[in-house]
Amino acid sequence: MVAAARELPASGYALEVDGRLKAEFATRDGAKSGAEELKKRFPMLRIRIYDAETKTREEV
């Protein structure tokens, strides 16, 4: 069984955890605070914020 891949959002921001999209946010501040909280709880994860407008990723 193969898991369905999540598509990149057309607008807003998304959290990418170890290369997989996990959550979407309307604002950058929301995505940043979610990423920081997740990083505090699980420091070994690779967490990036995907910006749909510029199609870029930012390491947290």
PDB file of N, CA and C in Angstrom:
ATOM      1  N   MET A   1       0.836  -1.164   0.000  1.00  0.00           N
ATOM      2  CA  MET A   1       0.000   0.000   0.000  1.00  0.00           C
ATOM      3  C   MET A   1       0.890   1.241   0.000  1.00  0.00           C
ATOM      4  N   VAL A   2       0.596   2.184  -0.860  1.00  0.00           N
ATOM      5  CA  VAL A   2       1.387   3.403  -0.989  1.00  0.00           C
ATOM      6  C   VAL A   2       0.562   4.573  -0.468  1.00  0.00           C
ATOM      7  N   ALA A   3       1.168   5.393   0.378  1.00  0.00           N
ATOM      8  CA  ALA A   3       0.484   6.561   0.918  1.00  0.00           C
ATOM      9  C   ALA A   3       0.368   7.636  -0.158  1.00  0.00           C
ATOM     10  N   ALA A   4      -0.729   8.337  -0.166  1.00  0.00           N
ATOM     11  CA  ALA A   4      -0.938   9.411  -1.132  1.00  0.00           C
ATOM     12  C   ALA A   4      -0.054  10.602  -0.761  1.00  0.00           C
ATOM     13  N   ALA A   5       0.605  11.154  -1.756  1.00  0.00           N
ATOM     14  CA  ALA A   5       1.460  12.311  -1.529  1.00  0.00           C
ATOM     15  C   ALA A   5       0.598  13.569  -1.470  1.00  0.00           C
ATOM     16  N   ARG A   6       0.876  14.435  -0.494  1.00  0.00           N
ATOM     17  CA  ARG A   6       0.155  15.702  -0.399  1.00  0.00           C
ATOM     18  C   ARG A   6       0.731  16.663  -1.413  1.00  0.00           C
ATOM     19  N   GLU A   7      -0.135  17.407  -2.048  1.00  0.00           N
ATOM     20  CA  GLU A   7       0.311  18.396  -3.026  1.00  0.00           C
ATOM     21  C   GLU A   7       0.720  19.686  -2.314  1.00  0.00           C
ATOM     22  N   LEU A   8       1.596  20.428  -2.960  1.00  0.00           N
ATOM     23  CA  LEU A   8       2.010  21.710  -2.413  1.00  0.00           C
ATOM     24  C   LEU A   8       0.824  22.669  -2.450  1.00  0.00           C
ATOM     25  N   PRO A   9       0.654  23.483  -1.414  1.00  0.00           N
ATOM     26  CA  PRO A   9      -0.480  24.410  -1.389  1.00  0.00           C
ATOM     27  C   PRO A   9      -0.321  25.506  -2.437  1.00  0.00           C
ATOM     28  N   ALA A  10      -1.440  26.005  -2.939  1.00  0.00           N
ATOM     29  CA  ALA A  10      -1.423  27.072  -3.939  1.00  0.00           C
ATOM     30  C   ALA A  10      -1.266  28.437  -3.283  1.00  0.00           C
ATOM     31  N   SER A  11      -1.642  28.540  -2.013  1.00  0.00           N
ATOM     32  CA  SER A  11      -1.498  29.806  -1.296  1.00  0.00           C
ATOM     33  C   SER A  11      -1.188  29.514   0.165  1.00  0.00           C
ATOM     34  N   GLY A  12      -0.636  30.503   0.848  1.00  0.00           N
ATOM     35  CA  GLY A  12      -0.324  30.347   2.262  1.00  0.00           C
ATOM     36  C   GLY A  12       1.021  29.681   2.492  1.00  0.00           C
ATOM     37  N   TYR A  13       1.105  28.977   3.613  1.00  0.00           N
ATOM     38  CA  TYR A  13       2.350  28.363   4.048  1.00  0.00           C
ATOM     39  C   TYR A  13       2.082  26.936   4.498  1.00  0.00           C
ATOM     40  N   ALA A  14       3.110  26.094   4.453  1.00  0.00           N
ATOM     41  CA  ALA A  14       2.974  24.711   4.896  1.00  0.00           C
ATOM     42  C   ALA A  14       4.218  24.307   5.675  1.00  0.00           C
ATOM     43  N   LEU A  15       4.024  23.390   6.614  1.00  0.00           N
ATOM     44  CA  LEU A  15       5.148  22.821   7.349  1.00  0.00           C
ATOM     45  C   LEU A  15       5.577  21.540   6.664  1.00  0.00           C
ATOM     46  N   GLU A  16       6.856  21.457   6.402  1.00  0.00           N
ATOM     47  CA  GLU A  16       7.440  20.263   5.812  1.00  0.00           C
ATOM     48  C   GLU A  16       8.311  19.612   6.879  1.00  0.00           C
ATOM     49  N   VAL A  17       7.949  18.396   7.262  1.00  0.00           N
ATOM     50  CA  VAL A  17       8.670  17.679   8.318  1.00  0.00           C
ATOM     51  C   VAL A  17       9.334  16.458   7.687  1.00  0.00           C
ATOM     52  N   ASP A  18      10.658  16.430   7.733  1.00  0.00           N
ATOM     53  CA  ASP A  18      11.431  15.344   7.127  1.00  0.00           C
ATOM     54  C   ASP A  18      10.998  15.076   5.686  1.00  0.00           C
ATOM     55  N   GLY A  19      10.770  16.146   4.933  1.00  0.00           N
ATOM     56  CA  GLY A  19      10.448  16.029   3.512  1.00  0.00           C
ATOM     57  C   GLY A  19       8.989  15.779   3.183  1.00  0.00           C
ATOM     58  N   ARG A  20       8.125  15.735   4.186  1.00  0.00           N
ATOM     59  CA  ARG A  20       6.697  15.491   3.944  1.00  0.00           C
ATOM     60  C   ARG A  20       5.869  16.656   4.473  1.00  0.00           C
ATOM     61  N   LEU A  21       4.875  17.078   3.702  1.00  0.00           N
ATOM     62  CA  LEU A  21       4.003  18.157   4.129  1.00  0.00           C
ATOM     63  C   LEU A  21       3.064  17.655   5.218  1.00  0.00           C
ATOM     64  N   LYS A  22       2.992  18.404   6.302  1.00  0.00           N
ATOM     65  CA  LYS A  22       2.191  17.962   7.441  1.00  0.00           C
ATOM     66  C   LYS A  22       1.056  18.912   7.800  1.00  0.00           C
ATOM     67  N   ALA A  23       1.227  20.215   7.658  1.00  0.00           N
ATOM     68  CA  ALA A  23       0.188  21.160   8.073  1.00  0.00           C
ATOM     69  C   ALA A  23       0.257  22.394   7.193  1.00  0.00           C
ATOM     70  N   GLU A  24      -0.898  23.050   7.021  1.00  0.00           N
ATOM     71  CA  GLU A  24      -0.964  24.281   6.237  1.00  0.00           C
ATOM     72  C   GLU A  24      -1.415  25.422   7.128  1.00  0.00           C
ATOM     73  N   PHE A  25      -0.890  26.619   6.840  1.00  0.00           N
ATOM     74  CA  PHE A  25      -1.207  27.815   7.612  1.00  0.00           C
ATOM     75  C   PHE A  25      -1.507  28.960   6.662  1.00  0.00           C
ATOM     76  N   ALA A  26      -2.363  29.877   7.093  1.00  0.00           N
ATOM     77  CA  ALA A  26      -2.714  31.036   6.278  1.00  0.00           C
ATOM     78  C   ALA A  26      -1.639  32.121   6.360  1.00  0.00           C
ATOM     79  N   THR A  27      -0.967  32.219   7.514  1.00  0.00           N
ATOM     80  CA  THR A  27       0.027  33.276   7.707  1.00  0.00           C
ATOM     81  C   THR A  27       1.404  32.697   7.997  1.00  0.00           C
ATOM     82  N   ARG A  28       2.419  33.502   7.712  1.00  0.00           N
ATOM     83  CA  ARG A  28       3.794  33.084   7.980  1.00  0.00           C
ATOM     84  C   ARG A  28       4.043  32.975   9.477  1.00  0.00           C
ATOM     85  N   ASP A  29       3.466  33.907  10.250  1.00  0.00           N
ATOM     86  CA  ASP A  29       3.645  33.877  11.705  1.00  0.00           C
ATOM     87  C   ASP A  29       3.075  32.594  12.302  1.00  0.00           C
ATOM     88  N   GLY A  30       1.924  32.160  11.805  1.00  0.00           N
ATOM     89  CA  GLY A  30       1.327  30.915  12.287  1.00  0.00           C
ATOM     90  C   GLY A  30       2.204  29.722  11.981  1.00  0.00           C
ATOM     91  N   ALA A  31       2.739  29.693  10.763  1.00  0.00           N
ATOM     92  CA  ALA A  31       3.617  28.592  10.361  1.00  0.00           C
ATOM     93  C   ALA A  31       4.906  28.605  11.177  1.00  0.00           C
ATOM     94  N   LYS A  32       5.447  29.787  11.411  1.00  0.00           N
ATOM     95  CA  LYS A  32       6.695  29.919  12.174  1.00  0.00           C
ATOM     96  C   LYS A  32       6.506  29.453  13.617  1.00  0.00           C
ATOM     97  N   SER A  33       5.415  29.867  14.252  1.00  0.00           N
ATOM     98  CA  SER A  33       5.193  29.460  15.641  1.00  0.00           C
ATOM     99  C   SER A  33       4.917  27.959  15.733  1.00  0.00           C
ATOM    100  N   GLY A  34       4.194  27.407  14.763  1.00  0.00           N
ATOM    101  CA  GLY A  34       3.962  25.966  14.747  1.00  0.00           C
ATOM    102  C   GLY A  34       5.251  25.190  14.560  1.00  0.00           C
ATOM    103  N   ALA A  35       6.105  25.682  13.691  1.00  0.00           N
ATOM    104  CA  ALA A  35       7.387  25.023  13.432  1.00  0.00           C
ATOM    105  C   ALA A  35       8.296  25.085  14.659  1.00  0.00           C
ATOM    106  N   GLU A  36       8.333  26.232  15.324  1.00  0.00           N
ATOM    107  CA  GLU A  36       9.187  26.376  16.505  1.00  0.00           C
ATOM    108  C   GLU A  36       8.715  25.478  17.644  1.00  0.00           C
ATOM    109  N   GLU A  37       7.405  25.384  17.831  1.00  0.00           N
ATOM    110  CA  GLU A  37       6.863  24.512  18.885  1.00  0.00           C
ATOM    111  C   GLU A  37       7.202  23.053  18.596  1.00  0.00           C
ATOM    112  N   LEU A  38       7.057  22.645  17.350  1.00  0.00           N
ATOM    113  CA  LEU A  38       7.368  21.272  16.966  1.00  0.00           C
ATOM    114  C   LEU A  38       8.857  20.981  17.132  1.00  0.00           C
ATOM    115  N   LYS A  39       9.702  21.948  16.779  1.00  0.00           N
ATOM    116  CA  LYS A  39      11.149  21.790  16.897  1.00  0.00           C
ATOM    117  C   LYS A  39      11.583  21.677  18.366  1.00  0.00           C
ATOM    118  N   LYS A  40      10.895  22.402  19.264  1.00  0.00           N
ATOM    119  CA  LYS A  40      11.199  22.301  20.692  1.00  0.00           C
ATOM    120  C   LYS A  40      10.883  20.908  21.218  1.00  0.00           C
ATOM    121  N   ARG A  41       9.759  20.354  20.779  1.00  0.00           N
ATOM    122  CA  ARG A  41       9.341  19.036  21.256  1.00  0.00           C
ATOM    123  C   ARG A  41      10.151  17.908  20.636  1.00  0.00           C
ATOM    124  N   PHE A  42      10.542  18.089  19.358  1.00  0.00           N
ATOM    125  CA  PHE A  42      11.269  17.044  18.630  1.00  0.00           C
ATOM    126  C   PHE A  42      12.453  17.670  17.892  1.00  0.00           C
ATOM    127  N   PRO A  43      13.549  17.968  18.599  1.00  0.00           N
ATOM    128  CA  PRO A  43      14.678  18.682  17.984  1.00  0.00           C
ATOM    129  C   PRO A  43      15.388  17.907  16.878  1.00  0.00           C
ATOM    130  N   MET A  44      15.182  16.598  16.794  1.00  0.00           N
ATOM    131  CA  MET A  44      15.876  15.820  15.780  1.00  0.00           C
ATOM    132  C   MET A  44      15.206  15.911  14.400  1.00  0.00           C
ATOM    133  N   LEU A  45      13.993  16.446  14.328  1.00  0.00           N
ATOM    134  CA  LEU A  45      13.287  16.534  13.051  1.00  0.00           C
ATOM    135  C   LEU A  45      13.843  17.665  12.191  1.00  0.00           C
ATOM    136  N   ARG A  46      13.779  17.455  10.894  1.00  0.00           N
ATOM    137  CA  ARG A  46      14.136  18.515   9.946  1.00  0.00           C
ATOM    138  C   ARG A  46      12.840  19.199   9.551  1.00  0.00           C
ATOM    139  N   ILE A  47      12.690  20.454   9.956  1.00  0.00           N
ATOM    140  CA  ILE A  47      11.447  21.190   9.732  1.00  0.00           C
ATOM    141  C   ILE A  47      11.731  22.405   8.860  1.00  0.00           C
ATOM    142  N   ARG A  48      10.919  22.546   7.806  1.00  0.00           N
ATOM    143  CA  ARG A  48      11.034  23.692   6.913  1.00  0.00           C
ATOM    144  C   ARG A  48       9.654  24.288   6.673  1.00  0.00           C
ATOM    145  N   ILE A  49       9.621  25.585   6.402  1.00  0.00           N
ATOM    146  CA  ILE A  49       8.379  26.277   6.079  1.00  0.00           C
ATOM    147  C   ILE A  49       8.372  26.524   4.573  1.00  0.00           C
ATOM    148  N   TYR A  50       7.302  26.059   3.916  1.00  0.00           N
ATOM    149  CA  TYR A  50       7.148  26.250   2.474  1.00  0.00           C
ATOM    150  C   TYR A  50       6.252  27.457   2.233  1.00  0.00           C
ATOM    151  N   ASP A  51       6.725  28.403   1.433  1.00  0.00           N
ATOM    152  CA  ASP A  51       5.963  29.596   1.066  1.00  0.00           C
ATOM    153  C   ASP A  51       5.402  29.372  -0.336  1.00  0.00           C
ATOM    154  N   ALA A  52       4.079  29.276  -0.454  1.00  0.00           N
ATOM    155  CA  ALA A  52       3.444  28.963  -1.730  1.00  0.00           C
ATOM    156  C   ALA A  52       3.577  30.110  -2.737  1.00  0.00           C
ATOM    157  N   GLU A  53       3.617  31.343  -2.252  1.00  0.00           N
ATOM    158  CA  GLU A  53       3.694  32.489  -3.157  1.00  0.00           C
ATOM    159  C   GLU A  53       5.030  32.537  -3.888  1.00  0.00           C
ATOM    160  N   THR A  54       6.126  32.361  -3.149  1.00  0.00           N
ATOM    161  CA  THR A  54       7.457  32.428  -3.754  1.00  0.00           C
ATOM    162  C   THR A  54       8.011  31.054  -4.112  1.00  0.00           C
ATOM    163  N   LYS A  55       7.290  30.004  -3.683  1.00  0.00           N
ATOM    164  CA  LYS A  55       7.702  28.620  -3.936  1.00  0.00           C
ATOM    165  C   LYS A  55       9.100  28.324  -3.379  1.00  0.00           C
ATOM    166  N   THR A  56       9.341  28.814  -2.154  1.00  0.00           N
ATOM    167  CA  THR A  56      10.624  28.594  -1.489  1.00  0.00           C
ATOM    168  C   THR A  56      10.415  27.916  -0.143  1.00  0.00           C
ATOM    169  N   ARG A  57      11.494  27.361   0.378  1.00  0.00           N
ATOM    170  CA  ARG A  57      11.468  26.712   1.688  1.00  0.00           C
ATOM    171  C   ARG A  57      12.485  27.381   2.608  1.00  0.00           C
ATOM    172  N   GLU A  58      12.109  27.516   3.864  1.00  0.00           N
ATOM    173  CA  GLU A  58      12.979  28.141   4.866  1.00  0.00           C
ATOM    174  C   GLU A  58      13.221  27.134   5.988  1.00  0.00           C
ATOM    175  N   GLU A  59      14.460  26.855   6.281  1.00  0.00           N
ATOM    176  CA  GLU A  59      14.838  25.935   7.361  1.00  0.00           C
ATOM    177  C   GLU A  59      14.539  26.562   8.720  1.00  0.00           C
ATOM    178  N   VAL A  60      14.038  25.762   9.645  1.00  0.00           N
ATOM    179  CA  VAL A  60      13.737  26.256  11.007  1.00  0.00           C
ATOM    180  C   VAL A  60      14.756  25.674  11.959  1.00  0.00           C
TER     181      VAL A  60
END
